[in-house]
Amino acid sequence: MLRDEPFGRFSAAVLSSGAGEASPDPFTPSMSAIICAFDDNRWDDTLAAVASVKAQIPAPLEVILVVDHNPDLRDRFSAELDVTVVDNLGPRGLSGGKNTGIALAQGDVVVFLDDDAVAEPGWLAALAQSFTDPDVLGVGGLTLPAWATDRPQWWPVEFDWVVGCTFVGRDPGVVRNLLGGNASFRREVFDLVGRFPTHIGRTSDKRRPLGCEETELCIRASQRRPGGRFVFEPRAVIHHRVPLIRERFAYFRARCYAEGLSKALVSQSVGVQDGLAAERTYTTVVLRRGVVRGIREGLAGRLNGFRRAGAIVTGVAYATAGYAVGCARQRWWGAAP
């Protein structure tokens, strides 16, 4: 089926073919691709992710697969792949894995791809083009959901970020922050501001689907580098698998609540003004339009419009509650959510 086709496309045949041809363009930055893995159940997905990177033209300078505190899985990948496979030397979680990869990367640009995503041909080339502008600090691409079944009819496109994908309202051009599963950064960014925070995101609490470590880093970089920009380039396309459990309303609510908790930590780090500026605009403009559109569709007899409008209101309410709880915990006990 179409939703699964991107993962089937990059099979063992691609893995055995080696990396793509190197670019003859001397102005193309060298790019180190980092994939962080942790789960044996994602074995096939991770192989597909690696294959999709190796097939890129121009080829990456290197592919680094960081395995999160799972020696058996590391050994399996080391035996299977001809890429650099290393242990996460930092705290358990995504930030620690990314930071381990950054420390090893030799490229001018460091690129991140989720272990359950595959990149389309031309992905790296599209990311690289924007780096001809010296003020561009990082570039992110278009992440499309590969649903396990079909998109739930109640699921609003404005909330595709819940499953790590690009959402309606994110326009090409300058953005405040990149989405971590399809993102690239100049190496100098990490020299300037340090690496991903290990107290924010999936590192800090595995009981909740936390995030926002890349948001915090992008805001810090913009604060430290006036005139620096992050860019959304929709021609750099990946497909991100959405397992069945993440298609459920219970996960939707939990992820929205966790986003609020994460935003409280981001605001504590970089300030409320910068930490919530984009969210305020998105809520008052894009989400308001989504609710109005859903109600109009419902009144026209397309009842799923009511459900999508309700999901938007629910998502905002849970995110707001998570933010309030996160701020209260920091204020009263100085504790992370």
Protein backbone atom coordinates (compact mmCIF):
# COMPACT_ATOMS: atom_id res chain seq x y z
CA MET A 1 0.00 0.00 0.00
CA LEU A 2 1.13 3.57 -0.60
CA ARG A 3 1.60 4.42 3.06
CA ASP A 4 4.12 1.56 3.48
CA GLU A 5 5.80 1.86 0.08
CA PRO A 6 8.62 4.22 1.19
CA PHE A 7 9.87 1.59 3.64
CA GLY A 8 9.69 -1.24 1.13
CA ARG A 9 11.51 0.82 -1.49
CA PHE A 10 14.80 0.85 0.43
CA SER A 11 15.44 -2.87 0.68
CA ALA A 12 18.52 -5.03 1.08
CA ALA A 13 19.33 -4.38 -2.57
CA VAL A 14 19.86 -0.69 -1.80
CA LEU A 15 21.85 -1.49 1.31
CA SER A 16 24.29 -3.57 -0.73
CA SER A 17 24.68 -0.94 -3.44
CA GLY A 18 26.79 1.44 -1.31
CA ALA A 19 26.58 5.20 -1.03
CA GLY A 20 25.53 7.48 -3.84
CA GLU A 21 28.00 9.23 -6.10
CA ALA A 22 29.92 12.14 -4.64
CA SER A 23 28.94 15.58 -5.84
CA PRO A 24 31.40 17.35 -8.16
CA ASP A 25 30.24 20.72 -6.83
CA PRO A 26 33.02 22.11 -4.60
CA PHE A 27 30.54 24.46 -2.91
CA THR A 28 28.39 21.64 -1.58
CA PRO A 29 29.11 21.25 2.15
CA SER A 30 30.24 17.88 3.42
CA MET A 31 27.42 16.30 5.41
CA SER A 32 27.53 13.83 8.29
CA ALA A 33 24.26 11.94 8.72
CA ILE A 34 23.32 10.76 12.22
CA ILE A 35 20.62 8.22 13.04
CA CYS A 36 19.83 7.28 16.64
CA ALA A 37 18.48 3.78 17.33
CA PHE A 38 17.32 2.14 20.53
CA ASP A 39 14.68 -0.52 19.86
CA ASP A 40 15.12 -4.04 18.43
CA ASN A 41 11.54 -3.81 17.16
CA ARG A 42 12.66 -1.06 14.75
CA TRP A 43 15.36 -3.20 13.15
CA ASP A 44 13.85 -3.20 9.65
CA ASP A 45 12.90 0.47 9.88
CA THR A 46 16.43 1.43 10.90
CA LEU A 47 17.95 -0.57 8.04
CA ALA A 48 15.61 1.25 5.68
CA ALA A 49 16.59 4.62 7.17
CA VAL A 50 20.30 3.89 6.70
CA ALA A 51 19.73 2.66 3.15
CA SER A 52 17.83 5.80 2.21
CA VAL A 53 20.71 7.97 3.43
CA LYS A 54 23.39 5.92 1.67
CA ALA A 55 21.45 6.19 -1.58
CA GLN A 56 21.59 9.99 -1.60
CA ILE A 57 23.36 11.92 -4.36
CA PRO A 58 25.56 13.66 -3.38
CA ALA A 59 26.63 11.03 -0.90
CA PRO A 60 27.05 11.93 2.77
CA LEU A 61 30.59 12.16 4.03
CA GLU A 62 29.66 9.53 6.63
CA VAL A 63 26.69 7.82 8.25
CA ILE A 64 26.83 7.45 12.03
CA LEU A 65 24.37 5.11 13.75
CA VAL A 66 24.22 5.73 17.51
CA VAL A 67 22.69 2.90 19.56
CA ASP A 68 21.19 3.90 22.89
CA HIS A 69 22.59 1.72 25.70
CA ASN A 70 21.77 -1.57 23.94
CA PRO A 71 25.01 -3.52 23.34
CA ASP A 72 23.29 -6.47 21.67
CA LEU A 73 21.57 -4.22 19.16
CA ARG A 74 24.83 -2.35 18.55
CA ASP A 75 26.58 -5.64 17.76
CA ARG A 76 23.82 -6.69 15.36
CA PHE A 77 24.04 -3.41 13.45
CA SER A 78 27.83 -3.53 13.40
CA ALA A 79 27.69 -6.95 11.77
CA GLU A 80 25.01 -5.93 9.27
CA LEU A 81 26.05 -2.44 8.14
CA ASP A 82 29.13 -0.81 6.66
CA VAL A 83 28.55 2.48 8.48
CA THR A 84 29.94 3.80 11.76
CA VAL A 85 28.00 2.15 14.60
CA VAL A 86 28.69 3.43 18.12
CA ASP A 87 27.24 3.36 21.61
CA ASN A 88 25.50 6.39 23.05
CA LEU A 89 28.16 7.71 25.42
CA GLY A 90 25.81 10.23 27.01
CA PRO A 91 22.69 9.91 29.15
CA ARG A 92 20.09 7.46 27.91
CA GLY A 93 17.75 9.02 25.36
CA LEU A 94 17.62 10.92 22.10
CA SER A 95 19.60 13.98 23.17
CA GLY A 96 22.44 11.85 24.50
CA GLY A 97 22.52 9.89 21.26
CA LYS A 98 22.53 12.98 19.09
CA ASN A 99 25.28 14.55 21.15
CA THR A 100 27.40 11.41 20.80
CA GLY A 101 27.01 11.59 17.03
CA ILE A 102 27.88 15.29 16.96
CA ALA A 103 31.12 14.62 18.82
CA LEU A 104 32.16 12.11 16.12
CA ALA A 105 30.88 13.92 13.03
CA GLN A 106 33.48 15.34 10.64
CA GLY A 107 31.19 17.10 8.14
CA ASP A 108 30.58 20.81 7.65
CA VAL A 109 26.89 20.08 8.28
CA VAL A 110 25.39 17.60 10.74
CA VAL A 111 22.14 15.98 9.57
CA PHE A 112 19.65 14.04 11.67
CA LEU A 113 17.15 11.42 10.48
CA ASP A 114 14.81 9.43 12.72
CA ASP A 115 15.40 5.69 12.86
CA ASP A 116 11.81 5.00 11.78
CA ALA A 117 11.88 7.29 8.74
CA VAL A 118 13.16 7.06 5.17
CA ALA A 119 14.44 9.91 3.02
CA GLU A 120 13.39 10.43 -0.57
CA PRO A 121 16.05 10.80 -3.29
CA GLY A 122 17.33 14.38 -3.35
CA TRP A 123 16.82 14.86 0.38
CA LEU A 124 20.43 15.73 1.22
CA ALA A 125 20.87 17.84 -1.90
CA ALA A 126 17.81 19.93 -1.01
CA LEU A 127 19.06 20.46 2.54
CA ALA A 128 22.54 21.42 1.30
CA GLN A 129 21.38 24.14 -1.11
CA SER A 130 20.30 26.59 1.59
CA PHE A 131 23.72 26.50 3.25
CA THR A 132 25.16 28.66 0.46
CA ASP A 133 23.78 31.54 2.58
CA PRO A 134 26.23 32.03 5.47
CA ASP A 135 23.45 33.32 7.74
CA VAL A 136 21.56 30.02 7.51
CA LEU A 137 22.34 28.06 10.68
CA GLY A 138 20.17 25.06 9.93
CA VAL A 139 17.70 23.60 7.46
CA GLY A 140 14.78 21.26 8.03
CA GLY A 141 12.71 19.33 5.54
CA LEU A 142 9.19 18.08 4.94
CA THR A 143 8.20 15.09 7.07
CA LEU A 144 5.17 13.14 5.85
CA PRO A 145 3.33 10.57 7.99
CA ALA A 146 3.32 6.92 6.89
CA TRP A 147 0.22 5.80 8.80
CA ALA A 148 -0.03 2.18 9.93
CA THR A 149 -3.61 2.12 8.59
CA ASP A 150 -4.97 5.40 7.24
CA ARG A 151 -5.06 8.88 8.71
CA PRO A 152 -7.74 8.83 11.41
CA GLN A 153 -10.67 10.87 10.15
CA TRP A 154 -10.75 12.89 13.37
CA TRP A 155 -7.04 13.79 13.18
CA PRO A 156 -6.48 17.49 12.32
CA VAL A 157 -3.59 18.19 9.94
CA GLU A 158 -2.64 21.10 12.21
CA PHE A 159 -1.54 18.50 14.77
CA ASP A 160 0.68 16.28 12.63
CA TRP A 161 3.55 17.43 14.86
CA VAL A 162 2.11 15.01 17.43
CA VAL A 163 3.56 12.15 15.33
CA GLY A 164 6.75 14.02 14.44
CA CYS A 165 5.56 15.27 11.06
CA THR A 166 5.21 18.62 9.32
CA PHE A 167 1.94 20.35 10.18
CA VAL A 168 -0.34 22.70 8.30
CA GLY A 169 0.69 26.29 8.91
CA ARG A 170 4.44 25.66 8.59
CA ASP A 171 5.34 27.67 5.51
CA PRO A 172 8.56 27.40 3.48
CA GLY A 173 11.28 29.84 4.45
CA VAL A 174 12.49 31.14 7.80
CA VAL A 175 11.17 29.34 10.90
CA ARG A 176 11.92 29.67 14.59
CA ASN A 177 13.03 26.06 15.00
CA LEU A 178 13.51 22.83 13.08
CA LEU A 179 11.78 19.50 13.70
CA GLY A 180 14.42 17.15 15.03
CA GLY A 181 13.72 14.06 12.91
CA ASN A 182 14.51 15.82 9.63
CA ALA A 183 17.03 18.54 10.44
CA SER A 184 20.52 19.74 9.56
CA PHE A 185 22.82 22.18 11.36
CA ARG A 186 26.09 23.87 10.58
CA ARG A 187 28.75 22.33 12.76
CA GLU A 188 29.60 25.82 14.10
CA VAL A 189 26.17 25.98 15.77
CA PHE A 190 27.25 23.35 18.29
CA ASP A 191 30.59 25.09 18.81
CA LEU A 192 28.69 28.31 19.52
CA VAL A 193 25.91 27.15 21.85
CA GLY A 194 26.77 23.61 22.88
CA ARG A 195 24.73 20.53 22.15
CA PHE A 196 21.20 19.28 22.76
CA PRO A 197 19.93 19.67 26.34
CA THR A 198 19.69 16.34 28.12
CA HIS A 199 17.08 17.53 30.62
CA ILE A 200 14.51 18.23 27.89
CA GLY A 201 12.84 15.71 25.62
CA ARG A 202 12.86 11.95 25.67
CA THR A 203 16.01 11.85 27.75
CA SER A 204 14.42 13.43 30.78
CA ASP A 205 11.48 11.09 31.36
CA LYS A 206 10.73 7.96 29.32
CA ARG A 207 7.27 7.66 30.84
CA ARG A 208 5.99 10.53 28.72
CA PRO A 209 6.44 11.32 25.00
CA LEU A 210 8.39 14.51 25.70
CA GLY A 211 10.17 16.54 23.03
CA CYS A 212 11.38 20.06 22.16
CA GLU A 213 15.13 19.52 22.61
CA GLU A 214 15.69 20.83 19.07
CA THR A 215 13.39 23.80 19.74
CA GLU A 216 15.47 24.85 22.73
CA LEU A 217 18.73 24.52 20.79
CA CYS A 218 17.46 26.53 17.81
CA ILE A 219 16.24 29.36 20.04
CA ARG A 220 19.54 29.45 21.92
CA ALA A 221 21.43 29.61 18.63
CA SER A 222 19.29 32.49 17.36
CA GLN A 223 19.82 34.37 20.61
CA ARG A 224 23.57 33.92 20.45
CA ARG A 225 23.91 34.55 16.70
CA PRO A 226 21.93 37.68 15.73
CA GLY A 227 20.94 37.48 12.07
CA GLY A 228 21.24 33.71 12.01
CA ARG A 229 18.29 31.88 10.49
CA PHE A 230 16.71 28.46 10.40
CA VAL A 231 14.94 27.49 7.20
CA PHE A 232 12.16 25.05 6.28
CA GLU A 233 12.86 23.48 2.87
CA PRO A 234 9.88 21.34 1.76
CA ARG A 235 11.82 19.75 -1.11
CA ALA A 236 13.82 17.73 1.45
CA VAL A 237 11.23 15.00 2.00
CA ILE A 238 11.17 12.08 4.40
CA HIS A 239 8.43 9.61 5.35
CA HIS A 240 7.99 8.91 9.05
CA ARG A 241 6.31 5.72 10.20
CA VAL A 242 3.32 6.17 12.51
CA PRO A 243 2.61 2.93 14.43
CA LEU A 244 -0.94 1.96 15.27
CA ILE A 245 -0.64 2.96 18.93
CA ARG A 246 0.11 6.55 17.89
CA GLU A 247 -3.07 6.75 15.82
CA ARG A 248 -5.17 6.55 18.98
CA PHE A 249 -6.81 9.48 20.70
CA ALA A 250 -5.23 8.49 24.01
CA TYR A 251 -1.76 8.98 22.52
CA PHE A 252 -2.86 12.26 20.93
CA ARG A 253 -3.89 13.60 24.33
CA ALA A 254 -0.77 12.30 26.07
CA ARG A 255 1.54 13.79 23.46
CA CYS A 256 -0.17 17.19 23.64
CA TYR A 257 0.12 17.20 27.44
CA ALA A 258 3.78 16.21 27.18
CA GLU A 259 4.37 19.02 24.71
CA GLY A 260 3.13 21.47 27.31
CA LEU A 261 5.50 20.00 29.90
CA SER A 262 8.36 20.28 27.41
CA LYS A 263 7.51 23.88 26.53
CA ALA A 264 7.69 24.77 30.23
CA LEU A 265 11.29 23.53 30.27
CA VAL A 266 12.10 25.38 27.04
CA SER A 267 10.67 28.62 28.44
CA GLN A 268 12.71 28.20 31.60
CA SER A 269 15.86 27.83 29.48
CA VAL A 270 15.41 30.54 26.85
CA GLY A 271 12.70 32.82 28.29
CA VAL A 272 8.93 32.84 27.90
CA GLN A 273 8.89 35.42 25.10
CA ASP A 274 11.08 33.41 22.73
CA GLY A 275 9.92 30.08 24.06
CA LEU A 276 6.23 30.65 23.26
CA ALA A 277 6.17 33.30 20.52
CA ALA A 278 5.51 30.85 17.68
CA GLU A 279 2.97 28.89 19.72
CA ARG A 280 0.89 32.00 20.45
CA THR A 281 0.69 32.92 16.77
CA TYR A 282 -0.05 29.35 15.74
CA THR A 283 -2.84 28.98 18.28
CA THR A 284 -4.55 32.30 17.56
CA VAL A 285 -4.31 32.06 13.76
CA VAL A 286 -3.82 28.55 12.39
CA LEU A 287 -5.68 26.57 15.04
CA ARG A 288 -8.54 29.05 15.20
CA ARG A 289 -8.98 28.69 11.44
CA GLY A 290 -8.87 24.90 11.81
CA VAL A 291 -11.68 24.96 14.36
CA VAL A 292 -13.82 27.25 12.21
CA ARG A 293 -13.22 25.10 9.16
CA GLY A 294 -14.12 21.93 11.05
CA ILE A 295 -17.36 23.43 12.34
CA ARG A 296 -18.31 24.59 8.85
CA GLU A 297 -17.66 21.13 7.46
CA GLY A 298 -19.77 19.61 10.21
CA LEU A 299 -22.64 21.98 9.55
CA ALA A 300 -22.41 21.06 5.86
CA GLY A 301 -23.01 17.42 6.77
CA ARG A 302 -19.37 16.21 6.93
CA LEU A 303 -19.54 15.23 10.57
CA ASN A 304 -15.84 14.41 10.90
CA GLY A 305 -15.33 18.16 10.71
CA PHE A 306 -16.85 18.44 14.19
CA ARG A 307 -14.50 15.72 15.41
CA ARG A 308 -11.43 17.48 14.00
CA ALA A 309 -12.50 20.77 15.54
CA GLY A 310 -12.99 19.00 18.86
CA ALA A 311 -9.56 17.39 18.59
CA ILE A 312 -7.96 20.81 18.06
CA VAL A 313 -9.67 22.22 21.15
CA THR A 314 -8.71 19.14 23.15
CA GLY A 315 -5.10 19.30 21.98
CA VAL A 316 -4.78 22.95 22.97
CA ALA A 317 -6.38 22.27 26.37
CA TYR A 318 -4.03 19.38 27.15
CA ALA A 319 -0.95 21.30 26.00
CA THR A 320 -1.98 24.29 28.10
CA ALA A 321 -2.53 22.06 31.13
CA GLY A 322 0.87 20.44 30.64
CA TYR A 323 2.55 23.83 30.42
CA ALA A 324 0.82 25.05 33.58
CA VAL A 325 1.79 21.92 35.50
CA GLY A 326 5.37 22.12 34.25
CA CYS A 327 5.71 25.76 35.27
CA ALA A 328 4.16 25.08 38.67
CA ARG A 329 6.54 22.21 39.39
CA GLN A 330 9.53 24.35 38.49
CA ARG A 331 8.29 27.26 40.60
CA TRP A 332 7.37 25.29 43.67
CA TRP A 333 9.84 22.43 43.71
CA GLY A 334 12.41 23.24 41.03
CA ALA A 335 11.69 19.83 39.53
CA ALA A 336 11.45 18.76 35.92
CA PRO A 337 8.00 17.58 34.76
